[in-house]
Amino acid sequence: MVVVNTHEAKTNLSRLLDEVLEGQDIVIARGNKPLARLVPYTGGKCARKPGVLKGRIKVSEDFDTPLSDEIVASFEAGA
């Protein structure tokens, strides 16, 4: 693991990024206190898979039945 101060990180960012891509672990510190770690970007969220919950979720036949006036009033009271 390589520890660099913030000034060195700003001055040598391109070189540090190359080192990260080669597998080096880089920690950026301020006043000898670690602040951040440079790591390779591995992508965002996992791709969504349609149908992964098929058969595990049950939707009631009356899910779209209008709500009673009492329930609607309770929601509106909080607004």
N, C-alpha and C. Protein backbone atom coordinates (compact mmCIF):
# COMPACT_ATOMS: atom_id res chain seq x y z
N MET A 1 0.86 -1.18 0.00
CA MET A 1 0.00 0.00 0.00
C MET A 1 0.90 1.23 0.00
N VAL A 2 0.57 2.17 -0.87
CA VAL A 2 1.31 3.42 -0.98
C VAL A 2 0.46 4.53 -0.37
N VAL A 3 1.06 5.32 0.51
CA VAL A 3 0.37 6.46 1.11
C VAL A 3 1.00 7.73 0.56
N VAL A 4 0.17 8.61 0.01
CA VAL A 4 0.65 9.89 -0.52
C VAL A 4 -0.13 11.01 0.13
N ASN A 5 0.52 12.18 0.25
CA ASN A 5 -0.21 13.32 0.82
C ASN A 5 -1.04 13.98 -0.28
N THR A 6 -1.91 14.88 0.10
CA THR A 6 -2.83 15.49 -0.86
C THR A 6 -2.08 16.28 -1.93
N HIS A 7 -1.00 16.96 -1.56
CA HIS A 7 -0.23 17.74 -2.55
C HIS A 7 0.35 16.80 -3.60
N GLU A 8 0.96 15.70 -3.15
CA GLU A 8 1.53 14.74 -4.09
C GLU A 8 0.44 14.12 -4.98
N ALA A 9 -0.73 13.86 -4.39
CA ALA A 9 -1.83 13.28 -5.16
C ALA A 9 -2.27 14.23 -6.27
N LYS A 10 -2.38 15.54 -5.93
CA LYS A 10 -2.78 16.52 -6.95
C LYS A 10 -1.72 16.63 -8.04
N THR A 11 -0.47 16.62 -7.63
CA THR A 11 0.63 16.79 -8.59
C THR A 11 0.79 15.59 -9.49
N ASN A 12 0.56 14.39 -8.98
CA ASN A 12 0.85 13.15 -9.71
C ASN A 12 -0.38 12.29 -9.97
N LEU A 13 -1.54 12.92 -10.12
CA LEU A 13 -2.78 12.15 -10.25
C LEU A 13 -2.74 11.15 -11.39
N SER A 14 -2.27 11.55 -12.56
CA SER A 14 -2.24 10.63 -13.70
C SER A 14 -1.37 9.41 -13.41
N ARG A 15 -0.21 9.62 -12.81
CA ARG A 15 0.68 8.52 -12.48
C ARG A 15 0.03 7.60 -11.44
N LEU A 16 -0.62 8.20 -10.45
CA LEU A 16 -1.28 7.40 -9.42
C LEU A 16 -2.42 6.57 -10.00
N LEU A 17 -3.16 7.16 -10.93
CA LEU A 17 -4.24 6.40 -11.58
C LEU A 17 -3.69 5.22 -12.36
N ASP A 18 -2.56 5.42 -13.03
CA ASP A 18 -1.93 4.31 -13.75
C ASP A 18 -1.53 3.20 -12.78
N GLU A 19 -0.99 3.59 -11.63
CA GLU A 19 -0.60 2.60 -10.63
C GLU A 19 -1.81 1.83 -10.10
N VAL A 20 -2.93 2.52 -9.91
CA VAL A 20 -4.15 1.86 -9.45
C VAL A 20 -4.60 0.82 -10.48
N LEU A 21 -4.54 1.19 -11.76
CA LEU A 21 -4.94 0.26 -12.81
C LEU A 21 -4.03 -0.97 -12.86
N GLU A 22 -2.79 -0.81 -12.38
CA GLU A 22 -1.85 -1.93 -12.34
C GLU A 22 -2.01 -2.77 -11.06
N GLY A 23 -2.94 -2.36 -10.19
CA GLY A 23 -3.22 -3.15 -8.99
C GLY A 23 -2.67 -2.57 -7.70
N GLN A 24 -2.00 -1.45 -7.78
CA GLN A 24 -1.43 -0.83 -6.57
C GLN A 24 -2.54 -0.23 -5.70
N ASP A 25 -2.40 -0.37 -4.40
CA ASP A 25 -3.34 0.22 -3.45
C ASP A 25 -2.80 1.58 -3.05
N ILE A 26 -3.54 2.66 -3.31
CA ILE A 26 -3.10 4.03 -3.04
C ILE A 26 -4.02 4.66 -2.01
N VAL A 27 -3.44 5.21 -0.95
CA VAL A 27 -4.19 5.92 0.07
C VAL A 27 -3.73 7.37 0.06
N ILE A 28 -4.68 8.29 0.07
CA ILE A 28 -4.37 9.72 0.12
C ILE A 28 -4.58 10.18 1.56
N ALA A 29 -3.57 10.87 2.09
CA ALA A 29 -3.61 11.30 3.48
C ALA A 29 -3.40 12.80 3.59
N ARG A 30 -3.90 13.35 4.67
CA ARG A 30 -3.66 14.75 5.01
C ARG A 30 -3.17 14.77 6.45
N GLY A 31 -1.98 15.30 6.65
CA GLY A 31 -1.42 15.33 7.99
C GLY A 31 -1.23 13.93 8.56
N ASN A 32 -0.81 12.99 7.74
CA ASN A 32 -0.59 11.59 8.12
C ASN A 32 -1.86 10.86 8.54
N LYS A 33 -3.03 11.44 8.26
CA LYS A 33 -4.29 10.76 8.54
C LYS A 33 -4.92 10.35 7.20
N PRO A 34 -5.14 9.05 6.99
CA PRO A 34 -5.74 8.59 5.74
C PRO A 34 -7.12 9.22 5.51
N LEU A 35 -7.33 9.72 4.29
CA LEU A 35 -8.61 10.35 3.94
C LEU A 35 -9.39 9.55 2.90
N ALA A 36 -8.66 9.02 1.94
CA ALA A 36 -9.35 8.37 0.81
C ALA A 36 -8.46 7.26 0.25
N ARG A 37 -9.11 6.36 -0.47
CA ARG A 37 -8.38 5.28 -1.12
C ARG A 37 -8.74 5.29 -2.60
N LEU A 38 -7.74 5.25 -3.46
CA LEU A 38 -7.98 5.17 -4.89
C LEU A 38 -8.14 3.69 -5.26
N VAL A 39 -9.24 3.39 -5.91
CA VAL A 39 -9.51 2.02 -6.35
C VAL A 39 -10.01 2.06 -7.78
N PRO A 40 -9.81 0.98 -8.53
CA PRO A 40 -10.33 0.96 -9.90
C PRO A 40 -11.85 1.00 -9.92
N TYR A 41 -12.39 1.66 -10.91
CA TYR A 41 -13.84 1.71 -11.09
C TYR A 41 -14.30 0.39 -11.67
N THR A 42 -15.26 -0.25 -11.02
CA THR A 42 -15.71 -1.56 -11.48
C THR A 42 -17.10 -1.54 -12.10
N GLY A 43 -17.63 -0.37 -12.34
CA GLY A 43 -18.98 -0.27 -12.89
C GLY A 43 -19.97 0.08 -11.81
N GLY A 44 -21.14 0.41 -12.23
CA GLY A 44 -22.17 0.82 -11.28
C GLY A 44 -22.94 -0.36 -10.74
N LYS A 45 -24.21 -0.21 -10.74
CA LYS A 45 -25.12 -1.23 -10.23
C LYS A 45 -25.09 -2.45 -11.14
N CYS A 46 -25.50 -3.55 -10.59
CA CYS A 46 -25.65 -4.76 -11.39
C CYS A 46 -26.79 -4.57 -12.38
N ALA A 47 -26.68 -5.21 -13.51
CA ALA A 47 -27.73 -5.12 -14.51
C ALA A 47 -29.01 -5.77 -13.96
N ARG A 48 -30.14 -5.15 -14.25
CA ARG A 48 -31.41 -5.70 -13.80
C ARG A 48 -31.75 -6.94 -14.61
N LYS A 49 -32.37 -7.90 -13.95
CA LYS A 49 -32.76 -9.14 -14.61
C LYS A 49 -34.27 -9.28 -14.53
N PRO A 50 -34.97 -8.99 -15.63
CA PRO A 50 -36.42 -9.12 -15.61
C PRO A 50 -36.85 -10.55 -15.26
N GLY A 51 -37.86 -10.63 -14.42
CA GLY A 51 -38.43 -11.93 -14.08
C GLY A 51 -37.76 -12.63 -12.91
N VAL A 52 -36.78 -11.99 -12.27
CA VAL A 52 -36.06 -12.65 -11.20
C VAL A 52 -36.97 -12.96 -10.00
N LEU A 53 -38.04 -12.21 -9.81
CA LEU A 53 -38.97 -12.46 -8.70
C LEU A 53 -40.26 -13.15 -9.14
N LYS A 54 -40.28 -13.65 -10.36
CA LYS A 54 -41.48 -14.32 -10.88
C LYS A 54 -41.87 -15.47 -9.96
N GLY A 55 -43.14 -15.46 -9.57
CA GLY A 55 -43.67 -16.50 -8.72
C GLY A 55 -43.44 -16.25 -7.23
N ARG A 56 -42.71 -15.20 -6.89
CA ARG A 56 -42.43 -14.90 -5.48
C ARG A 56 -43.25 -13.72 -4.96
N ILE A 57 -43.92 -13.01 -5.86
CA ILE A 57 -44.74 -11.86 -5.47
C ILE A 57 -46.18 -12.14 -5.86
N LYS A 58 -47.10 -11.90 -4.94
CA LYS A 58 -48.51 -12.11 -5.23
C LYS A 58 -49.23 -10.78 -5.15
N VAL A 59 -49.94 -10.43 -6.20
CA VAL A 59 -50.73 -9.21 -6.24
C VAL A 59 -52.19 -9.60 -6.09
N SER A 60 -52.85 -9.03 -5.10
CA SER A 60 -54.24 -9.33 -4.83
C SER A 60 -55.12 -8.93 -6.01
N GLU A 61 -56.20 -9.68 -6.22
CA GLU A 61 -57.12 -9.39 -7.32
C GLU A 61 -57.74 -8.00 -7.18
N ASP A 62 -57.90 -7.50 -5.95
CA ASP A 62 -58.56 -6.21 -5.75
C ASP A 62 -57.57 -5.08 -5.43
N PHE A 63 -56.31 -5.20 -5.90
CA PHE A 63 -55.31 -4.21 -5.55
C PHE A 63 -55.64 -2.81 -6.06
N ASP A 64 -56.42 -2.74 -7.13
CA ASP A 64 -56.74 -1.41 -7.69
C ASP A 64 -58.16 -0.95 -7.35
N THR A 65 -58.79 -1.61 -6.39
CA THR A 65 -60.11 -1.18 -5.93
C THR A 65 -59.97 0.17 -5.23
N PRO A 66 -60.87 1.11 -5.51
CA PRO A 66 -60.77 2.43 -4.86
C PRO A 66 -60.76 2.31 -3.33
N LEU A 67 -60.00 3.17 -2.69
CA LEU A 67 -59.92 3.18 -1.23
C LEU A 67 -61.20 3.73 -0.62
N SER A 68 -61.47 3.31 0.60
CA SER A 68 -62.66 3.83 1.28
C SER A 68 -62.42 5.30 1.63
N ASP A 69 -63.51 6.04 1.84
CA ASP A 69 -63.42 7.45 2.20
C ASP A 69 -62.63 7.65 3.49
N GLU A 70 -62.77 6.71 4.40
CA GLU A 70 -62.06 6.80 5.69
C GLU A 70 -60.54 6.73 5.48
N ILE A 71 -60.08 5.84 4.64
CA ILE A 71 -58.64 5.70 4.38
C ILE A 71 -58.11 6.92 3.64
N VAL A 72 -58.86 7.39 2.65
CA VAL A 72 -58.46 8.58 1.91
C VAL A 72 -58.34 9.78 2.85
N ALA A 73 -59.31 9.92 3.75
CA ALA A 73 -59.28 11.02 4.71
C ALA A 73 -58.07 10.94 5.63
N SER A 74 -57.67 9.73 6.02
CA SER A 74 -56.51 9.60 6.90
C SER A 74 -55.22 10.02 6.18
N PHE A 75 -55.13 9.76 4.88
CA PHE A 75 -53.97 10.21 4.12
C PHE A 75 -53.99 11.73 3.97
N GLU A 76 -55.11 12.28 3.69
CA GLU A 76 -55.22 13.73 3.47
C GLU A 76 -55.00 14.51 4.75
N ALA A 77 -55.30 13.91 5.90
CA ALA A 77 -55.11 14.59 7.19
C ALA A 77 -53.64 14.84 7.45
N GLY A 78 -52.77 13.96 6.96
CA GLY A 78 -51.33 14.11 7.17
C GLY A 78 -50.69 15.09 6.21
N ALA A 79 -51.38 15.53 5.20
CA ALA A 79 -50.79 16.41 4.18
C ALA A 79 -50.74 17.83 4.59
